[in-house]
Protein backbone atom coordinates (compact mmCIF):
# COMPACT_ATOMS: atom_id res chain seq x y z
CA MET A 1 35.56 -3.44 22.55
CA LYS A 2 34.75 -0.40 20.00
CA ASN A 3 34.78 3.01 21.22
CA ILE A 4 31.25 4.35 20.22
CA VAL A 5 30.47 6.94 22.73
CA LYS A 6 31.62 9.75 20.84
CA THR A 7 29.21 8.08 17.85
CA ILE A 8 26.42 7.81 20.24
CA ALA A 9 26.57 11.50 21.28
CA PHE A 10 26.72 12.56 17.69
CA LEU A 11 23.63 10.43 16.86
CA LEU A 12 21.81 12.14 19.85
CA LEU A 13 22.17 15.63 17.96
CA CYS A 14 20.81 14.33 14.65
CA THR A 15 18.01 11.71 13.43
CA THR A 16 18.57 7.92 13.11
CA ILE A 17 18.60 7.46 9.40
CA ALA A 18 19.41 10.97 8.51
CA CYS A 19 22.94 10.67 9.82
CA LYS A 20 23.78 8.39 7.00
CA SER A 21 23.33 11.17 4.44
CA GLU A 22 24.97 14.58 4.47
CA SER A 23 22.99 15.65 1.60
CA GLN A 24 19.79 15.22 3.35
CA LYS A 25 20.37 17.78 5.89
CA ASN A 26 20.99 20.65 3.10
CA THR A 27 17.35 20.23 2.11
CA ALA A 28 15.61 19.83 5.59
CA ASN A 29 14.88 23.27 6.17
CA GLU A 30 13.56 24.01 2.73
CA ALA A 31 11.23 21.00 3.17
CA VAL A 32 9.89 22.16 6.29
CA ILE A 33 9.23 25.74 4.75
CA ALA A 34 7.58 24.26 1.73
CA GLU A 35 5.29 21.84 3.82
CA THR A 36 4.29 24.69 6.19
CA ASN A 37 2.98 26.70 3.03
CA THR A 38 0.91 23.89 1.88
CA LYS A 39 -0.47 22.93 5.22
CA ALA A 40 -3.32 25.20 5.09
CA SER A 41 -4.60 23.84 1.66
CA ILE A 42 -4.44 20.49 2.83
CA SER A 43 -6.33 20.94 6.11
CA LYS A 44 -9.22 22.35 4.24
CA GLU A 45 -9.68 18.97 2.29
CA VAL A 46 -12.33 16.17 3.28
CA PRO A 47 -11.10 14.61 6.41
CA PHE A 48 -8.93 11.49 5.62
CA ILE A 49 -10.46 8.16 6.87
CA TRP A 50 -8.46 5.18 6.20
CA GLU A 51 -11.50 2.88 6.22
CA GLY A 52 -12.66 4.57 3.19
CA ALA A 53 -9.20 5.20 1.36
CA ASN A 54 -8.49 4.87 -2.28
CA VAL A 55 -5.14 3.29 -2.50
CA TYR A 56 -2.85 2.99 -5.72
CA PHE A 57 -0.46 0.21 -5.86
CA MET A 58 2.61 -0.08 -8.17
CA LEU A 59 5.45 -2.09 -8.56
CA THR A 60 8.29 0.36 -8.13
CA ASP A 61 10.27 -1.02 -11.06
CA ARG A 62 7.58 -1.02 -13.63
CA PHE A 63 5.74 2.11 -12.83
CA ASN A 64 7.80 5.17 -14.22
CA ASN A 65 11.44 5.82 -14.92
CA GLY A 66 12.35 9.10 -13.49
CA ASP A 67 16.24 8.64 -13.52
CA PRO A 68 17.61 6.57 -16.25
CA ALA A 69 21.07 7.00 -14.64
CA ASN A 70 20.25 4.33 -12.02
CA ASP A 71 18.85 1.83 -14.72
CA ASN A 72 22.10 -0.44 -14.83
CA VAL A 73 23.85 -0.79 -11.32
CA LEU A 74 25.33 -3.32 -9.14
CA ASP A 75 26.19 -5.52 -12.36
CA ARG A 76 23.01 -6.95 -12.65
CA THR A 77 23.63 -7.96 -16.46
CA ASN A 78 22.79 -11.48 -16.63
CA LYS A 79 20.30 -12.43 -19.23
CA THR A 80 16.83 -12.97 -17.47
CA GLY A 81 13.49 -14.26 -18.66
CA LYS A 82 10.98 -12.06 -20.34
CA LEU A 83 10.01 -9.27 -17.47
CA ARG A 84 12.23 -10.83 -14.86
CA GLY A 85 14.90 -8.29 -14.75
CA PHE A 86 14.99 -4.61 -13.52
CA GLU A 87 13.19 -2.25 -16.22
CA GLY A 88 14.07 1.04 -14.92
CA GLY A 89 11.09 2.30 -12.89
CA ASP A 90 12.30 4.00 -9.81
CA ILE A 91 11.32 6.30 -6.66
CA LYS A 92 11.70 9.36 -8.65
CA GLY A 93 9.22 8.02 -11.39
CA ILE A 94 6.69 7.73 -8.73
CA THR A 95 7.30 11.34 -7.34
CA GLN A 96 7.28 12.78 -10.84
CA LYS A 97 3.84 11.42 -11.37
CA ILE A 98 2.78 12.81 -7.89
CA GLU A 99 4.08 16.41 -9.08
CA GLU A 100 2.13 15.79 -12.45
CA GLY A 101 -1.38 15.47 -10.51
CA TYR A 102 -1.75 11.69 -12.04
CA PHE A 103 -2.83 10.50 -8.63
CA LYS A 104 -4.80 13.49 -7.48
CA ASN A 105 -6.76 13.22 -10.82
CA LEU A 106 -7.47 9.82 -10.08
CA GLY A 107 -8.70 10.20 -6.52
CA ILE A 108 -5.88 8.59 -5.03
CA ASN A 109 -5.33 9.59 -1.23
CA ALA A 110 -2.97 6.47 -0.54
CA ILE A 111 -0.05 4.84 -2.48
CA TRP A 112 1.56 1.76 -2.02
CA PHE A 113 4.78 0.64 -3.99
CA THR A 114 6.71 -2.66 -3.58
CA PRO A 115 9.87 -2.71 -1.14
CA VAL A 116 12.61 -0.29 -2.05
CA VAL A 117 15.46 -1.55 0.50
CA GLU A 118 18.41 -3.06 -0.98
CA GLN A 119 17.71 -6.25 -2.73
CA VAL A 120 20.18 -9.16 -3.28
CA HIS A 121 22.54 -8.51 -6.06
CA GLY A 122 22.63 -11.87 -7.69
CA SER A 123 19.97 -13.48 -10.00
CA VAL A 124 18.59 -16.84 -9.37
CA ASP A 125 16.91 -19.32 -11.99
CA GLU A 126 13.32 -20.17 -10.59
CA GLY A 127 12.28 -22.37 -13.32
CA THR A 128 10.69 -19.38 -15.08
CA GLY A 129 13.68 -17.69 -16.30
CA ASN A 130 16.81 -16.42 -14.69
CA THR A 131 15.34 -13.76 -12.34
CA TYR A 132 16.60 -10.44 -10.38
CA ALA A 133 14.96 -9.17 -7.32
CA TYR A 134 13.12 -6.21 -9.63
CA HIS A 135 9.92 -6.75 -7.53
CA GLY A 136 11.62 -5.81 -3.95
CA TYR A 137 10.74 -8.75 -2.10
CA TRP A 138 14.24 -10.37 -1.84
CA ALA A 139 15.92 -8.22 0.96
CA LYS A 140 19.59 -7.91 1.38
CA ASP A 141 20.01 -4.84 3.57
CA TRP A 142 17.00 -3.43 5.26
CA THR A 143 18.94 -0.13 6.03
CA LYS A 144 19.77 0.84 2.71
CA ILE A 145 17.75 2.01 -0.58
CA ASP A 146 18.42 -0.21 -3.40
CA PRO A 147 20.38 1.90 -6.16
CA ASN A 148 18.31 0.48 -8.78
CA TYR A 149 15.36 2.53 -7.20
CA GLY A 150 17.24 5.45 -6.00
CA THR A 151 18.44 6.80 -2.85
CA PHE A 152 17.21 7.74 0.63
CA ASN A 153 17.00 11.27 -0.41
CA ASP A 154 14.61 10.17 -3.17
CA LEU A 155 12.50 8.42 -0.97
CA LYS A 156 12.47 11.29 1.55
CA ASN A 157 11.50 13.72 -1.24
CA LEU A 158 8.69 11.24 -2.51
CA VAL A 159 7.27 11.15 1.06
CA ASP A 160 7.23 14.98 1.49
CA THR A 161 5.83 15.51 -1.95
CA ALA A 162 3.16 12.93 -1.25
CA HIS A 163 2.22 14.73 1.91
CA LYS A 164 2.09 18.08 0.10
CA ASN A 165 -0.44 16.77 -2.13
CA GLY A 166 -2.55 15.06 0.59
CA ILE A 167 -1.49 11.62 -0.24
CA ARG A 168 -0.61 9.20 2.49
CA VAL A 169 2.41 6.52 1.99
CA LEU A 170 2.22 3.07 2.59
CA MET A 171 5.61 1.24 3.09
CA ASP A 172 5.74 -2.42 1.81
CA VAL A 173 7.70 -4.37 4.38
CA VAL A 174 9.00 -8.07 4.46
CA MET A 175 10.17 -9.67 7.74
CA ASN A 176 9.63 -13.23 6.97
CA HIS A 177 12.56 -14.00 4.87
CA THR A 178 15.77 -12.48 3.14
CA GLY A 179 16.30 -13.06 -0.47
CA PRO A 180 17.67 -16.14 -1.99
CA VAL A 181 21.16 -17.29 -1.76
CA SER A 182 23.51 -16.70 -4.76
CA GLU A 183 27.15 -16.34 -5.27
CA LYS A 184 26.87 -12.68 -4.59
CA ASP A 185 24.56 -13.04 -1.51
CA PRO A 186 25.65 -15.47 0.98
CA VAL A 187 23.46 -17.19 3.53
CA TRP A 188 23.08 -15.65 6.96
CA SER A 189 24.13 -17.70 9.96
CA ASP A 190 21.92 -20.49 11.55
CA GLU A 191 20.88 -18.63 14.50
CA TRP A 192 19.30 -16.11 12.13
CA VAL A 193 17.70 -18.09 9.28
CA ARG A 194 16.50 -21.63 8.45
CA THR A 195 16.83 -23.26 4.79
CA SER A 196 14.58 -26.16 5.51
CA PRO A 197 12.09 -27.54 5.69
CA GLN A 198 9.99 -26.15 2.92
CA CYS A 199 6.25 -25.34 4.10
CA THR A 200 3.68 -27.86 3.32
CA TYR A 201 0.79 -25.83 4.82
CA LYS A 202 -0.78 -28.75 6.64
CA ASN A 203 -1.09 -27.18 9.88
CA TYR A 204 0.07 -23.86 11.90
CA GLU A 205 3.37 -25.16 12.30
CA THR A 206 4.04 -26.29 8.57
CA ALA A 207 3.00 -22.89 7.46
CA VAL A 208 5.20 -20.75 9.88
CA THR A 209 8.38 -22.48 10.92
CA CYS A 210 9.53 -23.10 7.39
CA THR A 211 10.66 -21.67 4.18
CA LEU A 212 7.83 -20.51 1.72
CA VAL A 213 10.20 -21.89 -1.44
CA GLU A 214 13.51 -23.51 -2.19
CA ASN A 215 16.47 -21.19 -1.40
CA LEU A 216 14.41 -18.30 0.29
CA PRO A 217 15.91 -18.44 3.95
CA ASP A 218 13.18 -17.92 6.49
CA ILE A 219 14.02 -15.52 9.25
CA LYS A 220 13.56 -17.36 12.64
CA THR A 221 10.93 -14.68 13.83
CA GLU A 222 9.88 -17.19 16.58
CA SER A 223 13.33 -16.87 18.17
CA ASP A 224 13.79 -14.55 21.27
CA GLU A 225 17.33 -15.29 21.79
CA ASN A 226 20.18 -12.65 21.44
CA VAL A 227 22.12 -12.93 18.20
CA ASP A 228 25.04 -11.01 16.82
CA ILE A 229 24.74 -9.11 13.39
CA PRO A 230 25.09 -11.50 10.66
CA LYS A 231 28.51 -11.26 9.26
CA PRO A 232 27.56 -10.45 5.72
CA LEU A 233 25.94 -7.48 7.00
CA LEU A 234 28.92 -6.57 9.16
CA ASN A 235 31.20 -6.96 6.20
CA LYS A 236 29.06 -4.87 4.05
CA TRP A 237 28.56 -2.10 6.40
CA LYS A 238 32.38 -1.92 7.22
CA ALA A 239 33.04 -1.74 3.34
CA GLU A 240 30.64 1.02 3.08
CA GLY A 241 32.07 3.00 6.04
CA ARG A 242 29.18 3.16 8.27
CA LEU A 243 29.56 0.07 10.69
CA GLU A 244 30.01 2.22 13.80
CA ILE A 245 26.96 4.33 13.21
CA GLU A 246 24.68 1.23 12.36
CA ILE A 247 26.13 -0.57 15.71
CA ALA A 248 25.59 2.84 17.71
CA GLU A 249 21.92 3.09 16.26
CA LEU A 250 21.42 -0.47 17.41
CA ASP A 251 22.59 0.16 20.67
CA ILE A 252 20.38 3.21 21.17
CA PHE A 253 17.32 1.27 19.89
CA PHE A 254 17.90 -1.65 22.13
CA THR A 255 18.45 0.36 25.21
CA LYS A 256 15.70 2.43 24.71
CA THR A 257 12.92 -0.25 24.08
CA GLY A 258 14.55 -2.94 26.19
CA LEU A 259 13.80 -5.52 23.45
CA LYS A 260 16.08 -8.52 23.25
CA ARG A 261 18.35 -8.56 20.01
CA SER A 262 16.51 -11.29 18.41
CA PRO A 263 16.36 -11.45 14.63
CA LYS A 264 12.81 -9.99 14.44
CA ASN A 265 13.70 -7.18 16.42
CA TYR A 266 16.72 -6.23 14.48
CA ILE A 267 14.39 -6.07 11.39
CA ILE A 268 11.76 -4.12 13.41
CA LYS A 269 14.13 -1.48 14.35
CA TRP A 270 15.41 -1.06 10.58
CA LEU A 271 11.83 -0.96 9.52
CA THR A 272 10.71 1.60 11.92
CA ASP A 273 13.54 3.80 11.12
CA TYR A 274 11.81 4.79 7.91
CA VAL A 275 8.64 5.80 9.81
CA ARG A 276 10.69 7.67 12.55
CA GLU A 277 12.86 9.59 9.88
CA LEU A 278 10.36 9.98 6.82
CA GLY A 279 6.66 10.05 8.72
CA ILE A 280 5.89 7.03 6.55
CA ASP A 281 1.90 6.71 7.29
CA GLY A 282 1.61 2.87 7.40
CA TYR A 283 2.73 -0.47 6.41
CA ARG A 284 1.51 -3.22 3.95
CA VAL A 285 2.79 -6.15 5.57
CA ASP A 286 4.03 -9.06 3.26
CA THR A 287 3.39 -12.82 4.36
CA VAL A 288 1.38 -12.32 7.36
CA LYS A 289 0.53 -15.93 8.12
CA HIS A 290 4.11 -17.04 7.70
CA VAL A 291 5.25 -15.31 11.01
CA GLU A 292 4.23 -15.80 14.59
CA GLU A 293 1.60 -13.33 15.35
CA GLY A 294 3.46 -12.00 18.37
CA ALA A 295 6.13 -10.74 16.23
CA TRP A 296 3.47 -8.46 14.37
CA SER A 297 2.39 -7.08 17.69
CA VAL A 298 5.81 -5.82 18.45
CA LEU A 299 6.32 -4.36 14.92
CA ALA A 300 2.86 -2.36 15.39
CA GLU A 301 3.67 -1.30 18.62
CA GLN A 302 7.21 0.07 17.56
CA ALA A 303 6.01 1.50 14.29
CA LYS A 304 3.15 3.41 16.33
CA VAL A 305 6.02 4.71 18.76
CA ALA A 306 8.02 5.86 15.79
CA PHE A 307 5.17 7.73 14.10
CA ALA A 308 4.32 9.44 17.55
CA GLU A 309 8.05 10.45 17.64
CA TRP A 310 8.06 11.89 14.10
CA LYS A 311 4.97 13.84 14.74
CA SER A 312 6.39 15.27 17.83
CA LYS A 313 9.40 16.28 16.11
CA ASN A 314 7.63 17.43 12.92
CA PRO A 315 4.56 19.58 14.24
CA ASP A 316 4.23 21.72 10.95
CA LYS A 317 4.17 18.53 8.88
CA ILE A 318 1.43 16.71 10.65
CA LEU A 319 -1.51 15.89 8.13
CA ASP A 320 -4.10 14.61 10.90
CA GLY A 321 -4.60 12.77 13.97
CA ASN A 322 -4.35 9.32 12.57
CA GLU A 323 -2.37 6.88 14.13
CA PHE A 324 0.09 4.56 12.25
CA TYR A 325 -2.14 2.13 9.79
CA ILE A 326 -1.13 -1.47 9.31
CA LEU A 327 -2.81 -3.74 6.69
CA GLY A 328 -1.76 -7.03 6.00
CA GLU A 329 -1.46 -9.54 3.22
CA LEU A 330 -2.83 -12.98 4.75
CA TYR A 331 -2.95 -15.17 1.78
CA GLY A 332 -6.33 -16.58 1.32
CA TYR A 333 -8.26 -14.24 3.80
CA GLY A 334 -11.63 -13.45 2.74
CA ILE A 335 -14.16 -11.06 4.26
CA ASP A 336 -16.56 -14.20 5.11
CA GLY A 337 -13.81 -15.54 7.24
CA LYS A 338 -14.71 -12.91 9.87
CA ARG A 339 -11.74 -11.99 12.09
CA TYR A 340 -9.57 -15.15 11.97
CA TYR A 341 -7.42 -17.40 9.74
CA ASP A 342 -7.87 -21.19 10.22
CA PHE A 343 -4.79 -23.11 9.86
CA GLY A 344 -6.82 -26.29 10.49
CA ASP A 345 -5.49 -27.14 13.97
CA ARG A 346 -5.34 -23.28 15.04
CA LYS A 347 -7.39 -20.10 14.35
CA VAL A 348 -5.52 -16.64 14.54
CA ASP A 349 -7.20 -13.38 14.83
CA TYR A 350 -4.34 -11.18 13.24
CA PHE A 351 -6.65 -8.14 13.75
CA ALA A 352 -5.81 -8.64 17.60
CA PHE A 353 -2.07 -8.59 16.81
CA GLY A 354 -1.69 -5.05 15.51
CA PHE A 355 -3.39 -5.17 12.08
CA ASP A 356 -6.27 -2.49 11.03
CA ASN A 357 -6.95 -4.11 7.78
CA MET A 358 -6.25 -7.26 5.72
CA ILE A 359 -6.27 -7.56 2.13
CA ASN A 360 -9.70 -9.37 0.80
CA PHE A 361 -8.76 -12.12 -1.61
CA GLN A 362 -12.41 -12.96 -1.73
CA PHE A 363 -13.60 -9.58 -3.60
CA LYS A 364 -12.86 -10.88 -7.20
CA TYR A 365 -15.31 -13.68 -6.62
CA ASP A 366 -17.97 -11.58 -5.07
CA ALA A 367 -17.67 -9.10 -7.88
CA LYS A 368 -18.58 -11.55 -10.46
CA GLN A 369 -22.18 -11.79 -9.30
CA LYS A 370 -24.42 -9.80 -11.44
CA GLY A 371 -25.85 -6.55 -10.14
CA TYR A 372 -24.47 -4.56 -7.26
CA GLU A 373 -26.89 -4.75 -4.44
CA LYS A 374 -25.81 -7.94 -3.04
CA LEU A 375 -22.24 -7.14 -3.24
CA PHE A 376 -22.46 -3.72 -1.42
CA SER A 377 -25.16 -4.75 1.26
CA LYS A 378 -23.03 -7.94 2.28
CA TYR A 379 -19.73 -5.64 2.64
CA SER A 380 -21.45 -2.97 4.36
CA GLU A 381 -23.07 -5.41 6.80
CA ILE A 382 -19.91 -7.24 7.71
CA LEU A 383 -17.83 -4.21 8.02
CA ASN A 384 -20.15 -2.69 10.48
CA THR A 385 -20.72 -5.80 12.51
CA ASN A 386 -18.06 -8.31 12.70
CA LEU A 387 -15.09 -6.19 11.44
CA VAL A 388 -16.24 -2.80 13.30
CA SER A 389 -13.33 -0.51 13.70
CA LYS A 390 -11.37 -2.61 11.42
CA SER A 391 -11.39 -2.76 7.47
CA ILE A 392 -10.56 -4.94 4.47
CA MET A 393 -8.97 -3.92 1.06
CA ASN A 394 -10.65 -4.95 -2.15
CA TYR A 395 -8.81 -5.21 -5.26
CA ILE A 396 -9.58 -6.51 -8.95
CA SER A 397 -5.90 -7.38 -10.00
CA SER A 398 -2.52 -7.60 -8.04
CA HIS A 399 1.12 -8.48 -8.78
CA ASP A 400 0.77 -11.88 -7.64
CA ASP A 401 -3.07 -12.96 -8.36
CA GLY A 402 -2.78 -15.04 -11.42
CA ASP A 403 -6.54 -15.16 -11.54
CA PRO A 404 -7.64 -11.47 -11.44
CA PHE A 405 -11.36 -10.33 -11.78
CA ASP A 406 -10.70 -9.14 -15.29
CA LYS A 407 -7.67 -10.49 -16.69
CA ASP A 408 -8.41 -9.92 -20.58
CA ARG A 409 -9.38 -6.34 -19.63
CA SER A 410 -12.86 -7.07 -21.12
CA LYS A 411 -14.92 -5.47 -18.10
CA THR A 412 -12.71 -2.35 -17.37
CA TYR A 413 -15.82 -0.05 -16.81
CA GLU A 414 -17.57 -2.56 -14.49
CA SER A 415 -14.13 -2.93 -12.68
CA ALA A 416 -13.79 0.50 -11.94
CA THR A 417 -17.62 0.89 -10.61
CA LYS A 418 -17.62 -2.42 -8.21
CA LEU A 419 -14.35 -1.82 -6.91
CA LEU A 420 -14.48 2.10 -6.13
CA LEU A 421 -18.26 1.88 -5.08
CA THR A 422 -17.78 -1.06 -2.88
CA PRO A 423 -17.41 -0.56 1.18
CA GLY A 424 -13.97 -1.13 2.41
CA ILE A 425 -10.90 0.32 1.07
CA SER A 426 -9.99 0.00 -2.76
CA GLN A 427 -6.77 -0.88 -4.16
CA VAL A 428 -6.09 0.17 -7.70
CA TYR A 429 -3.25 -1.67 -9.14
CA TYR A 430 -1.26 0.28 -11.58
CA GLY A 431 -2.86 0.10 -14.96
CA ASP A 432 -6.07 -1.05 -13.98
CA GLU A 433 -7.31 2.44 -14.86
CA THR A 434 -5.88 2.34 -18.28
CA ALA A 435 -6.35 -1.51 -19.22
CA ARG A 436 -2.54 -2.08 -19.02
CA PRO A 437 -2.32 -5.70 -20.46
CA LEU A 438 -2.08 -8.52 -17.97
CA ILE A 439 -1.54 -11.11 -20.57
CA ILE A 440 1.98 -10.67 -21.99
CA GLU A 441 3.49 -13.01 -24.60
CA GLY A 442 6.56 -15.01 -23.77
CA THR A 443 6.34 -14.36 -19.95
CA GLU A 444 6.21 -17.11 -17.54
CA GLY A 445 4.28 -17.14 -14.17
CA ASP A 446 3.56 -13.94 -12.29
CA ALA A 447 5.80 -11.79 -14.89
CA THR A 448 2.70 -11.51 -16.81
CA LEU A 449 0.97 -9.45 -14.24
CA ARG A 450 3.98 -6.91 -14.17
CA SER A 451 4.47 -5.23 -17.42
CA ASN A 452 5.57 -1.77 -17.42
CA MET A 453 3.10 0.95 -17.13
CA ASN A 454 1.36 1.50 -20.38
CA TRP A 455 2.09 5.35 -20.80
CA ASP A 456 2.31 4.84 -24.39
CA MET A 457 -1.52 4.26 -24.62
CA MET A 458 -2.70 7.24 -22.75
CA ASP A 459 -3.36 9.33 -26.03
CA THR A 460 -5.67 6.96 -27.38
CA ASP A 461 -9.55 7.82 -27.18
CA GLU A 462 -10.37 4.31 -25.67
CA THR A 463 -7.74 4.79 -22.91
CA LYS A 464 -8.79 8.39 -22.09
CA ASN A 465 -12.21 7.41 -22.00
CA LEU A 466 -11.72 4.68 -19.76
CA LEU A 467 -9.34 6.84 -17.59
CA THR A 468 -12.03 9.53 -17.17
CA HIS A 469 -14.36 7.12 -15.92
CA TRP A 470 -11.74 5.94 -13.32
CA GLN A 471 -11.02 9.43 -12.54
CA LYS A 472 -14.78 10.55 -11.75
CA LEU A 473 -15.59 7.53 -9.61
CA GLY A 474 -12.01 7.91 -7.87
CA THR A 475 -12.35 11.61 -6.97
CA PHE A 476 -15.89 11.20 -5.78
CA ARG A 477 -14.69 8.03 -3.48
CA LYS A 478 -11.98 10.48 -2.07
CA ASN A 479 -14.30 13.10 -1.40
CA HIS A 480 -16.82 11.10 0.34
CA PRO A 481 -15.45 8.81 3.29
CA SER A 482 -19.10 7.40 3.40
CA ILE A 483 -18.50 5.42 0.23
CA GLY A 484 -15.81 3.18 1.69
CA ALA A 485 -16.52 3.78 5.39
CA GLY A 486 -19.98 4.49 5.83
CA LYS A 487 -23.31 2.49 5.76
CA HIS A 488 -25.04 1.18 2.68
CA LYS A 489 -28.76 1.37 2.08
CA MET A 490 -30.94 0.70 -1.01
CA ILE A 491 -33.34 3.27 -2.12
CA SER A 492 -34.88 1.42 -5.00
CA LYS A 493 -34.16 -1.44 -7.15
CA LYS A 494 -35.18 0.03 -10.64
CA PRO A 495 -33.38 2.19 -11.38
CA TYR A 496 -30.85 0.92 -8.79
CA THR A 497 -30.28 3.64 -6.24
CA PHE A 498 -28.58 3.60 -2.77
CA SER A 499 -27.28 5.81 -0.24
CA ARG A 500 -24.16 5.85 1.94
CA LYS A 501 -23.87 7.69 5.28
CA TYR A 502 -20.85 8.22 7.55
CA ASP A 503 -21.11 9.78 10.97
CA LYS A 504 -18.15 9.12 13.35
CA ASP A 505 -15.86 11.07 15.51
CA GLY A 506 -17.65 14.34 14.52
CA VAL A 507 -17.34 13.70 10.89
CA THR A 508 -20.49 13.50 8.69
CA ASP A 509 -20.84 12.57 5.03
CA LYS A 510 -23.57 11.37 2.78
CA VAL A 511 -24.29 10.51 -0.81
CA VAL A 512 -26.88 9.11 -3.25
CA VAL A 513 -25.68 6.94 -6.35
CA ALA A 514 -27.67 5.48 -9.17
CA LEU A 515 -26.32 2.97 -11.69
CA ASP A 516 -27.74 1.04 -14.89
CA LEU A 517 -29.71 4.23 -15.62
CA PRO A 518 -31.12 5.01 -19.09
CA LYS A 519 -29.52 7.64 -21.34
CA GLY A 520 -31.19 11.02 -21.67
CA GLU A 521 -33.66 12.10 -18.78
CA LYS A 522 -34.00 10.40 -15.60
CA THR A 523 -35.43 10.65 -12.36
CA ILE A 524 -33.88 9.64 -9.10
CA LYS A 525 -35.40 9.18 -5.55
CA ILE A 526 -33.58 10.57 -2.69
CA ASN A 527 -35.52 8.87 0.13
CA SER A 528 -34.97 12.07 2.38
CA VAL A 529 -31.13 11.58 2.50
CA PHE A 530 -31.18 15.14 1.54
CA PRO A 531 -33.94 17.75 2.37
CA GLU A 532 -36.30 19.32 -0.01
CA GLU A 533 -34.75 22.34 -1.92
CA THR A 534 -31.34 21.07 -1.39
CA THR A 535 -29.10 21.68 -4.33
CA LEU A 536 -27.10 18.65 -5.46
CA ILE A 537 -24.34 18.09 -7.94
CA ASP A 538 -24.00 14.99 -10.01
CA HIS A 539 -20.25 14.52 -9.85
CA TYR A 540 -20.12 12.36 -12.94
CA SER A 541 -21.92 14.81 -15.52
CA GLY A 542 -21.36 18.07 -13.43
CA THR A 543 -25.01 18.72 -13.55
CA GLU A 544 -26.73 20.79 -10.80
CA VAL A 545 -29.93 19.52 -9.70
CA LYS A 546 -32.51 20.44 -6.91
CA VAL A 547 -34.41 18.04 -4.62
CA ILE A 548 -38.25 18.39 -5.48
CA LYS A 549 -40.70 16.03 -3.90
CA ASP A 550 -37.89 13.67 -2.51
CA ALA A 551 -36.31 13.25 -6.14
CA VAL A 552 -34.23 14.91 -8.68
CA THR A 553 -34.42 15.11 -12.24
CA LEU A 554 -31.71 15.56 -14.90
CA ASN A 555 -30.77 14.88 -18.44
CA SER A 556 -27.19 13.13 -19.26
CA ASP A 557 -25.95 10.39 -21.74
CA ASN A 558 -24.31 8.77 -18.76
CA GLU A 559 -25.69 5.49 -17.25
CA ILE A 560 -24.39 6.69 -13.82
CA VAL A 561 -25.33 9.64 -11.35
CA LEU A 562 -23.05 10.50 -8.28
CA LEU A 563 -24.97 12.76 -6.06
CA GLU A 564 -23.33 14.97 -3.51
CA GLU A 565 -24.64 18.33 -1.79
CA LYS A 566 -23.44 21.33 -3.25
CA LYS A 567 -21.24 23.27 -0.94
């Protein structure tokens, strides 16, 4: 029996993951001081409301290369299909763009990037070309950061930098499966994973207790049996010189929580460590419907506990009173589905099992209809009735949707207007704002959606003008929680004008928006949203106007007006 008493005593004097990195301690005091200095400026900003958030989603490996030194590691040198290997994007690259103000200028107040835990080392042939785990969804070790993405300190710096800039961080988590089996990545024991049958999606059982695809071992998340740590992990930790620390941490966690040492609870421990140590603000959860709903309840409960612990230990770093936020990828879920998903033989309300939000796979279809009113009023009504206190995340493109709203990038301005003004959370997929091509010659499957961010196009007038449109709408949305979380009301059909109002928990906000306007002089009804003589600003043009006879008149070359009260 291992003597770990001394190790546990040591761990109690430091924080869980922090003990794994001595260099992390050297920057801890500096980080606290820096965040204290910026706390006052953040607190003066508009209150952050998750239901009205503007989220930016990126593939970590494809967004920005901040450290070329980690481009070629772990001997991932086999030839791959086009865009199916590591391209160099990393954690430092994301941090650089936060520091440059790219997200701030775009009105982003939360970021979500693909998983950065250590991925399988080998490559596999999926029939679409030899592939490495560049996308981050093939975990090998949940306790360590993949060196192609960077280090734990890099991730800590990213979270600290984001928070200093008023940006929340959503961690992308996978609990359903490990990475595929290869010569470098042996399969875990039968008590941990199943390798068959493959899912057929005929009912609940054939969508949950099965493997998503061939050679993707499925974690037995339904099991409540105590299991030993998989031998591949034990051997790996021993070789890396951290076996005793990892075991001691697990002993502390299971003693404290009283949870069984089941497969799901090990992974829950590993995932919540990042919340407890870094102050991660929320999760984006992968493959929701392929895991028993009860497992998600445990994850949500433990994540909220971990977030509260982090806040108690870091009172000077707290951004607001929000609890930990959890949104899920429930493939096929749409806003018309109310609160549940129908497996055919069983309906499950995942919102009742810890989720605050579900990705809305239906938005791209609703956005295809002409005009705006039907779209806006429908979403406002559902969010304020069937989904009250919950929300959905809308998107126009993503990393695995082969039929996005605007695949050929011919409706880029319309995409921004509809996405950023529709009630719910908006998800900007990297390059939506710069028309990054979604059709890449020579690619197979979803690789075409995952090209490198088109920074090389940023200097063209076409890209600059488009980016400006996204920035104006995005910053307006960020400044006004009423847009995503408020109630919608049409003021007039022509010119199409509407208001949004938010009034909850002591926070009030209201705006008036007009679309499809003529260039030149235009008069816009206010419908008593703002009192007479109130001075308003058109956020889009910067024009200052005053409410006269319940209307404002302004002259601009824009077809859109975003009215807010001058403060």
